[in-house]
Amino acid sequence: MKYLCFLLIGVLIACSNNASEIENGFTSDGLGGGLGALYYRDGDKASTKSYASFETNLEEEIPIITQKVVPTVVGEDQKIIKTAGLRFETQDLDGTHKNILDITKALDGFISSDNAGKNYSEHFRNITIRIPSENFQTFIDDVSKGVDYFDRKDISRKDVSEEFVDLNARLKAKRELEKRYLELLKQAKNVKEMLDIERELSKIREEIEAKEGRLNYLKDKVSLSTISIEFYKYTNETGVTVSYGQKMKNALSGGWDGISVFFIGLLYLWPLFLILIIIILWLRRWMKRRKKRKIKKNDS
């Protein structure tokens, strides 16, 4: 009786260990449950069983690295996306533009876009600059030296360190999954098995490419900061705007220019007005004729 009790306890412990291994996604041979289901051991020789169980999702049997707690990233490993948007008035558009180009060149940046234009009250210029992230604050400080007042100065820093760690972990898991499917592909016994595996491989590779694309995008944004600068000059000579009241004064003084532009625009539409007048006169004439015909018809 005593030996029987010890035997039952041993069986229960063995069952508990097997259940624990299954829950963790591994069998005793170190392979995932789904992958292990496709193999059996005959001495040192590995063979494949019937492929009927291939529909099992192999990915579910791979240890998901990304489910682990993502460590807090500090120091040099932090991945920060830095962006800025500046808008200000200047009395020398060309001089300001040259100054920004000189600062950009000195700090190893480059111009992503450069646009110039004008409206009824001002000349303006929009520049988008990509600058190495380590020179971001230096660039902002150098550009700000010649500016008395900013209409807008937006600076943002976004920490994407956790997304970096998560993407790298998911890529590692996907590549491991791809290797296991490639091993299965080598051991496929017929065309159907090969097509099934290649279909799954295609899905995995698409996911890998998507994650690699996102990772490369983040690397570009982290390594090169984006700064948008808009500066302008009013067409009527005034000092640099330092208050909202001065802006109202400039708007009132530029109102006549706006009215002039409006009427000049109407002159460009004279063919359309001529056509409309002709159509209206023709409709009026047609309505009169129709009315006369009705009267004659009623009299008869």
Foldseek 3Di string as FASTA:
>chain_A
DVVVVVVVVVVVVVVVVQVVQLVQQHGPVGFGPLLVQQWDDDDPDIAGDDCPSVPPDRLVSFRQQLVDDQDDDDDPLWFKQKEKEWEFEDPDPVVLVVQLVVLQVVQVKDWPDKDWDDDLWKTKIKTKIWGFPVCVVVSVVSSCPPGPDIPDIDIDMDTCSSVLVSLVSNLVSLVVVLVSLVVVCVNDDDDVSNVVSVVVNVVSVVVNVVSVVVNVVSVSSRRIHMYMYMYMYTPPDDDTDDDVVVVVVSCVVSVVSVVVVVVVVVVVCVVVVVVVVVVVVVVVVVVVVVVVVVVVVVVD
